[in-house]
mmCIF file of all heavy atoms, coordinates in Angstrom:
data_MODEL
# 
_entry.id   MODEL 
# 
loop_
_atom_site.group_PDB 
_atom_site.id 
_atom_site.type_symbol 
_atom_site.label_atom_id 
_atom_site.label_alt_id 
_atom_site.label_comp_id 
_atom_site.label_asym_id 
_atom_site.label_entity_id 
_atom_site.label_seq_id 
_atom_site.pdbx_PDB_ins_code 
_atom_site.Cartn_x 
_atom_site.Cartn_y 
_atom_site.Cartn_z 
_atom_site.occupancy 
_atom_site.B_iso_or_equiv 
_atom_site.pdbx_formal_charge 
_atom_site.auth_seq_id 
_atom_site.auth_comp_id 
_atom_site.auth_asym_id 
_atom_site.auth_atom_id 
_atom_site.pdbx_PDB_model_num 
ATOM 1   N N   . ILE A 1 1  ? 52.965 92.724 70.637 1.00 0.00 ? 1  ILE A N   1 
ATOM 2   C CA  . ILE A 1 1  ? 53.953 92.950 71.705 1.00 0.00 ? 1  ILE A CA  1 
ATOM 3   C C   . ILE A 1 1  ? 55.099 91.940 71.605 1.00 0.00 ? 1  ILE A C   1 
ATOM 4   O O   . ILE A 1 1  ? 56.272 92.296 71.765 1.00 0.00 ? 1  ILE A O   1 
ATOM 5   C CB  . ILE A 1 1  ? 53.270 92.938 73.079 1.00 0.00 ? 1  ILE A CB  1 
ATOM 6   C CG1 . ILE A 1 1  ? 52.347 94.169 73.185 1.00 0.00 ? 1  ILE A CG1 1 
ATOM 7   C CG2 . ILE A 1 1  ? 54.281 92.910 74.212 1.00 0.00 ? 1  ILE A CG2 1 
ATOM 8   C CD1 . ILE A 1 1  ? 51.370 94.139 74.320 1.00 0.00 ? 1  ILE A CD1 1 
ATOM 9   N N   . ARG A 1 2  ? 54.782 90.677 71.328 1.00 0.00 ? 2  ARG A N   1 
ATOM 10  C CA  . ARG A 1 2  ? 55.855 89.676 71.143 1.00 0.00 ? 2  ARG A CA  1 
ATOM 11  C C   . ARG A 1 2  ? 56.774 90.058 69.989 1.00 0.00 ? 2  ARG A C   1 
ATOM 12  O O   . ARG A 1 2  ? 57.993 89.963 70.086 1.00 0.00 ? 2  ARG A O   1 
ATOM 13  C CB  . ARG A 1 2  ? 55.252 88.303 70.859 1.00 0.00 ? 2  ARG A CB  1 
ATOM 14  C CG  . ARG A 1 2  ? 54.832 87.557 72.064 1.00 0.00 ? 2  ARG A CG  1 
ATOM 15  C CD  . ARG A 1 2  ? 54.507 86.111 71.670 1.00 0.00 ? 2  ARG A CD  1 
ATOM 16  N NE  . ARG A 1 2  ? 53.768 85.477 72.736 1.00 0.00 ? 2  ARG A NE  1 
ATOM 17  C CZ  . ARG A 1 2  ? 52.615 84.863 72.602 1.00 0.00 ? 2  ARG A CZ  1 
ATOM 18  N NH1 . ARG A 1 2  ? 52.043 84.762 71.423 1.00 0.00 ? 2  ARG A NH1 1 
ATOM 19  N NH2 . ARG A 1 2  ? 52.016 84.319 73.632 1.00 0.00 ? 2  ARG A NH2 1 
ATOM 20  N N   . THR A 1 3  ? 56.171 90.492 68.875 1.00 0.00 ? 3  THR A N   1 
ATOM 21  C CA  . THR A 1 3  ? 56.964 90.876 67.708 1.00 0.00 ? 3  THR A CA  1 
ATOM 22  C C   . THR A 1 3  ? 57.852 92.071 68.041 1.00 0.00 ? 3  THR A C   1 
ATOM 23  O O   . THR A 1 3  ? 59.041 92.084 67.683 1.00 0.00 ? 3  THR A O   1 
ATOM 24  C CB  . THR A 1 3  ? 56.043 91.201 66.515 1.00 0.00 ? 3  THR A CB  1 
ATOM 25  O OG1 . THR A 1 3  ? 55.262 90.037 66.218 1.00 0.00 ? 3  THR A OG1 1 
ATOM 26  C CG2 . THR A 1 3  ? 56.829 91.615 65.287 1.00 0.00 ? 3  THR A CG2 1 
ATOM 27  N N   . ALA A 1 4  ? 57.294 93.047 68.718 1.00 0.00 ? 4  ALA A N   1 
ATOM 28  C CA  . ALA A 1 4  ? 58.080 94.225 69.100 1.00 0.00 ? 4  ALA A CA  1 
ATOM 29  C C   . ALA A 1 4  ? 59.235 93.822 70.021 1.00 0.00 ? 4  ALA A C   1 
ATOM 30  O O   . ALA A 1 4  ? 60.373 94.277 69.847 1.00 0.00 ? 4  ALA A O   1 
ATOM 31  C CB  . ALA A 1 4  ? 57.179 95.246 69.786 1.00 0.00 ? 4  ALA A CB  1 
ATOM 32  N N   . ALA A 1 5  ? 58.963 92.948 70.986 1.00 0.00 ? 5  ALA A N   1 
ATOM 33  C CA  . ALA A 1 5  ? 60.014 92.506 71.906 1.00 0.00 ? 5  ALA A CA  1 
ATOM 34  C C   . ALA A 1 5  ? 61.110 91.752 71.162 1.00 0.00 ? 5  ALA A C   1 
ATOM 35  O O   . ALA A 1 5  ? 62.305 91.990 71.369 1.00 0.00 ? 5  ALA A O   1 
ATOM 36  C CB  . ALA A 1 5  ? 59.416 91.635 73.007 1.00 0.00 ? 5  ALA A CB  1 
ATOM 37  N N   . ARG A 1 6  ? 60.719 90.842 70.276 1.00 0.00 ? 6  ARG A N   1 
ATOM 38  C CA  . ARG A 1 6  ? 61.716 90.081 69.504 1.00 0.00 ? 6  ARG A CA  1 
ATOM 39  C C   . ARG A 1 6  ? 62.573 91.002 68.646 1.00 0.00 ? 6  ARG A C   1 
ATOM 40  O O   . ARG A 1 6  ? 63.794 90.825 68.549 1.00 0.00 ? 6  ARG A O   1 
ATOM 41  C CB  . ARG A 1 6  ? 61.029 89.040 68.628 1.00 0.00 ? 6  ARG A CB  1 
ATOM 42  C CG  . ARG A 1 6  ? 60.533 87.853 69.397 1.00 0.00 ? 6  ARG A CG  1 
ATOM 43  C CD  . ARG A 1 6  ? 59.976 86.781 68.450 1.00 0.00 ? 6  ARG A CD  1 
ATOM 44  N NE  . ARG A 1 6  ? 59.267 85.774 69.210 1.00 0.00 ? 6  ARG A NE  1 
ATOM 45  C CZ  . ARG A 1 6  ? 57.983 85.484 69.084 1.00 0.00 ? 6  ARG A CZ  1 
ATOM 46  N NH1 . ARG A 1 6  ? 57.242 86.126 68.198 1.00 0.00 ? 6  ARG A NH1 1 
ATOM 47  N NH2 . ARG A 1 6  ? 57.421 84.562 69.815 1.00 0.00 ? 6  ARG A NH2 1 
ATOM 48  N N   . ASN A 1 7  ? 61.946 91.974 68.003 1.00 0.00 ? 7  ASN A N   1 
ATOM 49  C CA  . ASN A 1 7  ? 62.704 92.908 67.167 1.00 0.00 ? 7  ASN A CA  1 
ATOM 50  C C   . ASN A 1 7  ? 63.704 93.710 67.997 1.00 0.00 ? 7  ASN A C   1 
ATOM 51  O O   . ASN A 1 7  ? 64.849 93.898 67.582 1.00 0.00 ? 7  ASN A O   1 
ATOM 52  C CB  . ASN A 1 7  ? 61.758 93.838 66.414 1.00 0.00 ? 7  ASN A CB  1 
ATOM 53  C CG  . ASN A 1 7  ? 60.996 93.121 65.315 1.00 0.00 ? 7  ASN A CG  1 
ATOM 54  O OD1 . ASN A 1 7  ? 61.383 92.041 64.871 1.00 0.00 ? 7  ASN A OD1 1 
ATOM 55  N ND2 . ASN A 1 7  ? 59.888 93.700 64.890 1.00 0.00 ? 7  ASN A ND2 1 
ATOM 56  N N   . LEU A 1 8  ? 63.289 94.170 69.154 1.00 0.00 ? 8  LEU A N   1 
ATOM 57  C CA  . LEU A 1 8  ? 64.210 94.920 70.012 1.00 0.00 ? 8  LEU A CA  1 
ATOM 58  C C   . LEU A 1 8  ? 65.317 94.032 70.573 1.00 0.00 ? 8  LEU A C   1 
ATOM 59  O O   . LEU A 1 8  ? 66.465 94.454 70.703 1.00 0.00 ? 8  LEU A O   1 
ATOM 60  C CB  . LEU A 1 8  ? 63.444 95.601 71.151 1.00 0.00 ? 8  LEU A CB  1 
ATOM 61  C CG  . LEU A 1 8  ? 62.650 96.831 70.715 1.00 0.00 ? 8  LEU A CG  1 
ATOM 62  C CD1 . LEU A 1 8  ? 61.738 97.312 71.841 1.00 0.00 ? 8  LEU A CD1 1 
ATOM 63  C CD2 . LEU A 1 8  ? 63.595 97.940 70.278 1.00 0.00 ? 8  LEU A CD2 1 
ATOM 64  N N   . LEU A 1 9  ? 64.983 92.773 70.883 1.00 0.00 ? 9  LEU A N   1 
ATOM 65  C CA  . LEU A 1 9  ? 66.016 91.854 71.355 1.00 0.00 ? 9  LEU A CA  1 
ATOM 66  C C   . LEU A 1 9  ? 67.048 91.583 70.265 1.00 0.00 ? 9  LEU A C   1 
ATOM 67  O O   . LEU A 1 9  ? 68.241 91.437 70.560 1.00 0.00 ? 9  LEU A O   1 
ATOM 68  C CB  . LEU A 1 9  ? 65.392 90.553 71.863 1.00 0.00 ? 9  LEU A CB  1 
ATOM 69  C CG  . LEU A 1 9  ? 64.655 90.694 73.198 1.00 0.00 ? 9  LEU A CG  1 
ATOM 70  C CD1 . LEU A 1 9  ? 63.863 89.436 73.496 1.00 0.00 ? 9  LEU A CD1 1 
ATOM 71  C CD2 . LEU A 1 9  ? 65.620 91.022 74.327 1.00 0.00 ? 9  LEU A CD2 1 
ATOM 72  N N   . GLN A 1 10 ? 66.615 91.528 69.014 1.00 0.00 ? 10 GLN A N   1 
ATOM 73  C CA  . GLN A 1 10 ? 67.571 91.380 67.905 1.00 0.00 ? 10 GLN A CA  1 
ATOM 74  C C   . GLN A 1 10 ? 68.498 92.582 67.822 1.00 0.00 ? 10 GLN A C   1 
ATOM 75  O O   . GLN A 1 10 ? 69.697 92.438 67.642 1.00 0.00 ? 10 GLN A O   1 
ATOM 76  C CB  . GLN A 1 10 ? 66.834 91.232 66.574 1.00 0.00 ? 10 GLN A CB  1 
ATOM 77  C CG  . GLN A 1 10 ? 66.562 89.819 66.185 1.00 0.00 ? 10 GLN A CG  1 
ATOM 78  C CD  . GLN A 1 10 ? 66.008 89.746 64.760 1.00 0.00 ? 10 GLN A CD  1 
ATOM 79  O OE1 . GLN A 1 10 ? 65.282 90.633 64.303 1.00 0.00 ? 10 GLN A OE1 1 
ATOM 80  N NE2 . GLN A 1 10 ? 66.356 88.690 64.077 1.00 0.00 ? 10 GLN A NE2 1 
ATOM 81  N N   . VAL A 1 11 ? 67.926 93.767 67.965 1.00 0.00 ? 11 VAL A N   1 
ATOM 82  C CA  . VAL A 1 11 ? 68.727 94.991 67.920 1.00 0.00 ? 11 VAL A CA  1 
ATOM 83  C C   . VAL A 1 11 ? 69.776 94.989 69.023 1.00 0.00 ? 11 VAL A C   1 
ATOM 84  O O   . VAL A 1 11 ? 70.931 95.373 68.824 1.00 0.00 ? 11 VAL A O   1 
ATOM 85  C CB  . VAL A 1 11 ? 67.819 96.243 68.030 1.00 0.00 ? 11 VAL A CB  1 
ATOM 86  C CG1 . VAL A 1 11 ? 68.628 97.503 68.287 1.00 0.00 ? 11 VAL A CG1 1 
ATOM 87  C CG2 . VAL A 1 11 ? 66.961 96.387 66.783 1.00 0.00 ? 11 VAL A CG2 1 
ATOM 88  N N   . HIS A 1 12 ? 69.388 94.536 70.202 1.00 0.00 ? 12 HIS A N   1 
ATOM 89  C CA  . HIS A 1 12 ? 70.273 94.583 71.364 1.00 0.00 ? 12 HIS A CA  1 
ATOM 90  C C   . HIS A 1 12 ? 71.031 93.273 71.611 1.00 0.00 ? 12 HIS A C   1 
ATOM 91  O O   . HIS A 1 12 ? 71.693 93.126 72.631 1.00 0.00 ? 12 HIS A O   1 
ATOM 92  C CB  . HIS A 1 12 ? 69.470 94.958 72.613 1.00 0.00 ? 12 HIS A CB  1 
ATOM 93  C CG  . HIS A 1 12 ? 68.879 96.332 72.536 1.00 0.00 ? 12 HIS A CG  1 
ATOM 94  N ND1 . HIS A 1 12 ? 69.644 97.480 72.540 1.00 0.00 ? 12 HIS A ND1 1 
ATOM 95  C CD2 . HIS A 1 12 ? 67.590 96.740 72.409 1.00 0.00 ? 12 HIS A CD2 1 
ATOM 96  C CE1 . HIS A 1 12 ? 68.863 98.532 72.439 1.00 0.00 ? 12 HIS A CE1 1 
ATOM 97  N NE2 . HIS A 1 12 ? 67.601 98.116 72.358 1.00 0.00 ? 12 HIS A NE2 1 
ATOM 98  N N   . ALA A 1 13 ? 70.954 92.330 70.690 1.00 0.00 ? 13 ALA A N   1 
ATOM 99  C CA  . ALA A 1 13 ? 71.614 91.029 70.863 1.00 0.00 ? 13 ALA A CA  1 
ATOM 100 C C   . ALA A 1 13 ? 73.102 91.152 71.177 1.00 0.00 ? 13 ALA A C   1 
ATOM 101 O O   . ALA A 1 13 ? 73.604 90.430 72.050 1.00 0.00 ? 13 ALA A O   1 
ATOM 102 C CB  . ALA A 1 13 ? 71.386 90.152 69.636 1.00 0.00 ? 13 ALA A CB  1 
ATOM 103 N N   . PRO A 1 14 ? 73.846 92.053 70.531 1.00 0.00 ? 14 PRO A N   1 
ATOM 104 C CA  . PRO A 1 14 ? 75.273 92.157 70.882 1.00 0.00 ? 14 PRO A CA  1 
ATOM 105 C C   . PRO A 1 14 ? 75.503 92.541 72.355 1.00 0.00 ? 14 PRO A C   1 
ATOM 106 O O   . PRO A 1 14 ? 76.429 92.044 72.983 1.00 0.00 ? 14 PRO A O   1 
ATOM 107 C CB  . PRO A 1 14 ? 75.791 93.251 69.942 1.00 0.00 ? 14 PRO A CB  1 
ATOM 108 C CG  . PRO A 1 14 ? 74.859 93.215 68.767 1.00 0.00 ? 14 PRO A CG  1 
ATOM 109 C CD  . PRO A 1 14 ? 73.511 92.879 69.374 1.00 0.00 ? 14 PRO A CD  1 
ATOM 110 N N   . VAL A 1 15 ? 74.643 93.375 72.897 1.00 0.00 ? 15 VAL A N   1 
ATOM 111 C CA  . VAL A 1 15 ? 74.764 93.769 74.305 1.00 0.00 ? 15 VAL A CA  1 
ATOM 112 C C   . VAL A 1 15 ? 74.505 92.567 75.205 1.00 0.00 ? 15 VAL A C   1 
ATOM 113 O O   . VAL A 1 15 ? 75.231 92.323 76.170 1.00 0.00 ? 15 VAL A O   1 
ATOM 114 C CB  . VAL A 1 15 ? 73.785 94.919 74.639 1.00 0.00 ? 15 VAL A CB  1 
ATOM 115 C CG1 . VAL A 1 15 ? 73.776 95.223 76.129 1.00 0.00 ? 15 VAL A CG1 1 
ATOM 116 C CG2 . VAL A 1 15 ? 74.129 96.157 73.835 1.00 0.00 ? 15 VAL A CG2 1 
ATOM 117 N N   . VAL A 1 16 ? 73.467 91.808 74.892 1.00 0.00 ? 16 VAL A N   1 
ATOM 118 C CA  . VAL A 1 16 ? 73.131 90.613 75.679 1.00 0.00 ? 16 VAL A CA  1 
ATOM 119 C C   . VAL A 1 16 ? 74.286 89.626 75.626 1.00 0.00 ? 16 VAL A C   1 
ATOM 120 O O   . VAL A 1 16 ? 74.738 89.116 76.660 1.00 0.00 ? 16 VAL A O   1 
ATOM 121 C CB  . VAL A 1 16 ? 71.821 89.958 75.175 1.00 0.00 ? 16 VAL A CB  1 
ATOM 122 C CG1 . VAL A 1 16 ? 71.597 88.609 75.838 1.00 0.00 ? 16 VAL A CG1 1 
ATOM 123 C CG2 . VAL A 1 16 ? 70.639 90.891 75.415 1.00 0.00 ? 16 VAL A CG2 1 
ATOM 124 N N   . GLN A 1 17 ? 74.778 89.348 74.431 1.00 0.00 ? 17 GLN A N   1 
ATOM 125 C CA  . GLN A 1 17 ? 75.876 88.385 74.271 1.00 0.00 ? 17 GLN A CA  1 
ATOM 126 C C   . GLN A 1 17 ? 77.120 88.824 75.025 1.00 0.00 ? 17 GLN A C   1 
ATOM 127 O O   . GLN A 1 17 ? 77.792 88.012 75.664 1.00 0.00 ? 17 GLN A O   1 
ATOM 128 C CB  . GLN A 1 17 ? 76.196 88.176 72.784 1.00 0.00 ? 17 GLN A CB  1 
ATOM 129 C CG  . GLN A 1 17 ? 75.108 87.488 72.010 1.00 0.00 ? 17 GLN A CG  1 
ATOM 130 C CD  . GLN A 1 17 ? 74.850 86.065 72.479 1.00 0.00 ? 17 GLN A CD  1 
ATOM 131 O OE1 . GLN A 1 17 ? 75.734 85.375 72.953 1.00 0.00 ? 17 GLN A OE1 1 
ATOM 132 N NE2 . GLN A 1 17 ? 73.614 85.627 72.368 1.00 0.00 ? 17 GLN A NE2 1 
ATOM 133 N N   . GLU A 1 18 ? 77.444 90.092 74.961 1.00 0.00 ? 18 GLU A N   1 
ATOM 134 C CA  . GLU A 1 18 ? 78.628 90.600 75.667 1.00 0.00 ? 18 GLU A CA  1 
ATOM 135 C C   . GLU A 1 18 ? 78.461 90.468 77.176 1.00 0.00 ? 18 GLU A C   1 
ATOM 136 O O   . GLU A 1 18 ? 79.388 90.083 77.884 1.00 0.00 ? 18 GLU A O   1 
ATOM 137 C CB  . GLU A 1 18 ? 78.899 92.063 75.276 1.00 0.00 ? 18 GLU A CB  1 
ATOM 138 C CG  . GLU A 1 18 ? 80.086 92.680 75.995 1.00 0.00 ? 18 GLU A CG  1 
ATOM 139 C CD  . GLU A 1 18 ? 81.406 91.954 75.771 1.00 0.00 ? 18 GLU A CD  1 
ATOM 140 O OE1 . GLU A 1 18 ? 81.603 91.338 74.707 1.00 0.00 ? 18 GLU A OE1 1 
ATOM 141 O OE2 . GLU A 1 18 ? 82.264 92.004 76.676 1.00 0.00 ? 18 GLU A OE2 1 
ATOM 142 N N   . HIS A 1 19 ? 77.282 90.784 77.684 1.00 0.00 ? 19 HIS A N   1 
ATOM 143 C CA  . HIS A 1 19 ? 77.034 90.654 79.122 1.00 0.00 ? 19 HIS A CA  1 
ATOM 144 C C   . HIS A 1 19 ? 77.147 89.197 79.560 1.00 0.00 ? 19 HIS A C   1 
ATOM 145 O O   . HIS A 1 19 ? 77.776 88.903 80.577 1.00 0.00 ? 19 HIS A O   1 
ATOM 146 C CB  . HIS A 1 19 ? 75.660 91.207 79.487 1.00 0.00 ? 19 HIS A CB  1 
ATOM 147 C CG  . HIS A 1 19 ? 75.376 91.136 80.958 1.00 0.00 ? 19 HIS A CG  1 
ATOM 148 N ND1 . HIS A 1 19 ? 75.768 92.131 81.826 1.00 0.00 ? 19 HIS A ND1 1 
ATOM 149 C CD2 . HIS A 1 19 ? 74.790 90.181 81.715 1.00 0.00 ? 19 HIS A CD2 1 
ATOM 150 C CE1 . HIS A 1 19 ? 75.417 91.793 83.056 1.00 0.00 ? 19 HIS A CE1 1 
ATOM 151 N NE2 . HIS A 1 19 ? 74.824 90.606 83.009 1.00 0.00 ? 19 HIS A NE2 1 
ATOM 152 N N   . VAL A 1 20 ? 76.541 88.300 78.803 1.00 0.00 ? 20 VAL A N   1 
ATOM 153 C CA  . VAL A 1 20 ? 76.595 86.877 79.121 1.00 0.00 ? 20 VAL A CA  1 
ATOM 154 C C   . VAL A 1 20 ? 78.045 86.402 79.154 1.00 0.00 ? 20 VAL A C   1 
ATOM 155 O O   . VAL A 1 20 ? 78.475 85.719 80.072 1.00 0.00 ? 20 VAL A O   1 
ATOM 156 C CB  . VAL A 1 20 ? 75.757 86.061 78.105 1.00 0.00 ? 20 VAL A CB  1 
ATOM 157 C CG1 . VAL A 1 20 ? 76.056 84.575 78.199 1.00 0.00 ? 20 VAL A CG1 1 
ATOM 158 C CG2 . VAL A 1 20 ? 74.266 86.323 78.329 1.00 0.00 ? 20 VAL A CG2 1 
ATOM 159 N N   . LYS A 1 21 ? 78.803 86.810 78.150 1.00 0.00 ? 21 LYS A N   1 
ATOM 160 C CA  . LYS A 1 21 ? 80.218 86.413 78.070 1.00 0.00 ? 21 LYS A CA  1 
ATOM 161 C C   . LYS A 1 21 ? 81.032 87.010 79.221 1.00 0.00 ? 21 LYS A C   1 
ATOM 162 O O   . LYS A 1 21 ? 81.788 86.310 79.887 1.00 0.00 ? 21 LYS A O   1 
ATOM 163 C CB  . LYS A 1 21 ? 80.784 86.874 76.722 1.00 0.00 ? 21 LYS A CB  1 
ATOM 164 C CG  . LYS A 1 21 ? 82.222 86.515 76.495 1.00 0.00 ? 21 LYS A CG  1 
ATOM 165 C CD  . LYS A 1 21 ? 82.663 87.004 75.124 1.00 0.00 ? 21 LYS A CD  1 
ATOM 166 C CE  . LYS A 1 21 ? 84.147 86.856 74.935 1.00 0.00 ? 21 LYS A CE  1 
ATOM 167 N NZ  . LYS A 1 21 ? 84.587 87.431 73.656 1.00 0.00 ? 21 LYS A NZ  1 
ATOM 168 N N   . ARG A 1 22 ? 80.869 88.298 79.456 1.00 0.00 ? 22 ARG A N   1 
ATOM 169 C CA  . ARG A 1 22 ? 81.655 89.003 80.476 1.00 0.00 ? 22 ARG A CA  1 
ATOM 170 C C   . ARG A 1 22 ? 81.346 88.484 81.880 1.00 0.00 ? 22 ARG A C   1 
ATOM 171 O O   . ARG A 1 22 ? 82.224 88.403 82.721 1.00 0.00 ? 22 ARG A O   1 
ATOM 172 C CB  . ARG A 1 22 ? 81.378 90.508 80.376 1.00 0.00 ? 22 ARG A CB  1 
ATOM 173 C CG  . ARG A 1 22 ? 82.269 91.350 81.267 1.00 0.00 ? 22 ARG A CG  1 
ATOM 174 C CD  . ARG A 1 22 ? 82.097 92.851 81.075 1.00 0.00 ? 22 ARG A CD  1 
ATOM 175 N NE  . ARG A 1 22 ? 80.733 93.292 81.232 1.00 0.00 ? 22 ARG A NE  1 
ATOM 176 C CZ  . ARG A 1 22 ? 79.994 93.843 80.275 1.00 0.00 ? 22 ARG A CZ  1 
ATOM 177 N NH1 . ARG A 1 22 ? 80.472 94.012 79.073 1.00 0.00 ? 22 ARG A NH1 1 
ATOM 178 N NH2 . ARG A 1 22 ? 78.759 94.229 80.507 1.00 0.00 ? 22 ARG A NH2 1 
ATOM 179 N N   . HIS A 1 23 ? 80.088 88.110 82.124 1.00 0.00 ? 23 HIS A N   1 
ATOM 180 C CA  . HIS A 1 23 ? 79.686 87.676 83.460 1.00 0.00 ? 23 HIS A CA  1 
ATOM 181 C C   . HIS A 1 23 ? 79.589 86.159 83.588 1.00 0.00 ? 23 HIS A C   1 
ATOM 182 O O   . HIS A 1 23 ? 79.057 85.654 84.574 1.00 0.00 ? 23 HIS A O   1 
ATOM 183 C CB  . HIS A 1 23 ? 78.365 88.341 83.853 1.00 0.00 ? 23 HIS A CB  1 
ATOM 184 C CG  . HIS A 1 23 ? 78.505 89.822 84.009 1.00 0.00 ? 23 HIS A CG  1 
ATOM 185 N ND1 . HIS A 1 23 ? 78.945 90.405 85.173 1.00 0.00 ? 23 HIS A ND1 1 
ATOM 186 C CD2 . HIS A 1 23 ? 78.285 90.837 83.139 1.00 0.00 ? 23 HIS A CD2 1 
ATOM 187 C CE1 . HIS A 1 23 ? 78.986 91.710 85.016 1.00 0.00 ? 23 HIS A CE1 1 
ATOM 188 N NE2 . HIS A 1 23 ? 78.591 91.999 83.796 1.00 0.00 ? 23 HIS A NE2 1 
ATOM 189 N N   . LEU A 1 24 ? 80.120 85.453 82.575 1.00 0.00 ? 24 LEU A N   1 
ATOM 190 C CA  . LEU A 1 24 ? 80.149 83.992 82.592 1.00 0.00 ? 24 LEU A CA  1 
ATOM 191 C C   . LEU A 1 24 ? 78.778 83.404 82.914 1.00 0.00 ? 24 LEU A C   1 
ATOM 192 O O   . LEU A 1 24 ? 78.628 82.574 83.807 1.00 0.00 ? 24 LEU A O   1 
ATOM 193 C CB  . LEU A 1 24 ? 81.202 83.485 83.585 1.00 0.00 ? 24 LEU A CB  1 
ATOM 194 C CG  . LEU A 1 24 ? 82.630 83.953 83.324 1.00 0.00 ? 24 LEU A CG  1 
ATOM 195 C CD1 . LEU A 1 24 ? 83.537 83.540 84.474 1.00 0.00 ? 24 LEU A CD1 1 
ATOM 196 C CD2 . LEU A 1 24 ? 83.149 83.433 81.998 1.00 0.00 ? 24 LEU A CD2 1 
# 
């Protein structure tokens, strides 16, 4: 489950980074 979560977080990293940036 940890491996699956990490892999999906890598896939979605650009979305996370954009949200963090946009919402300061």
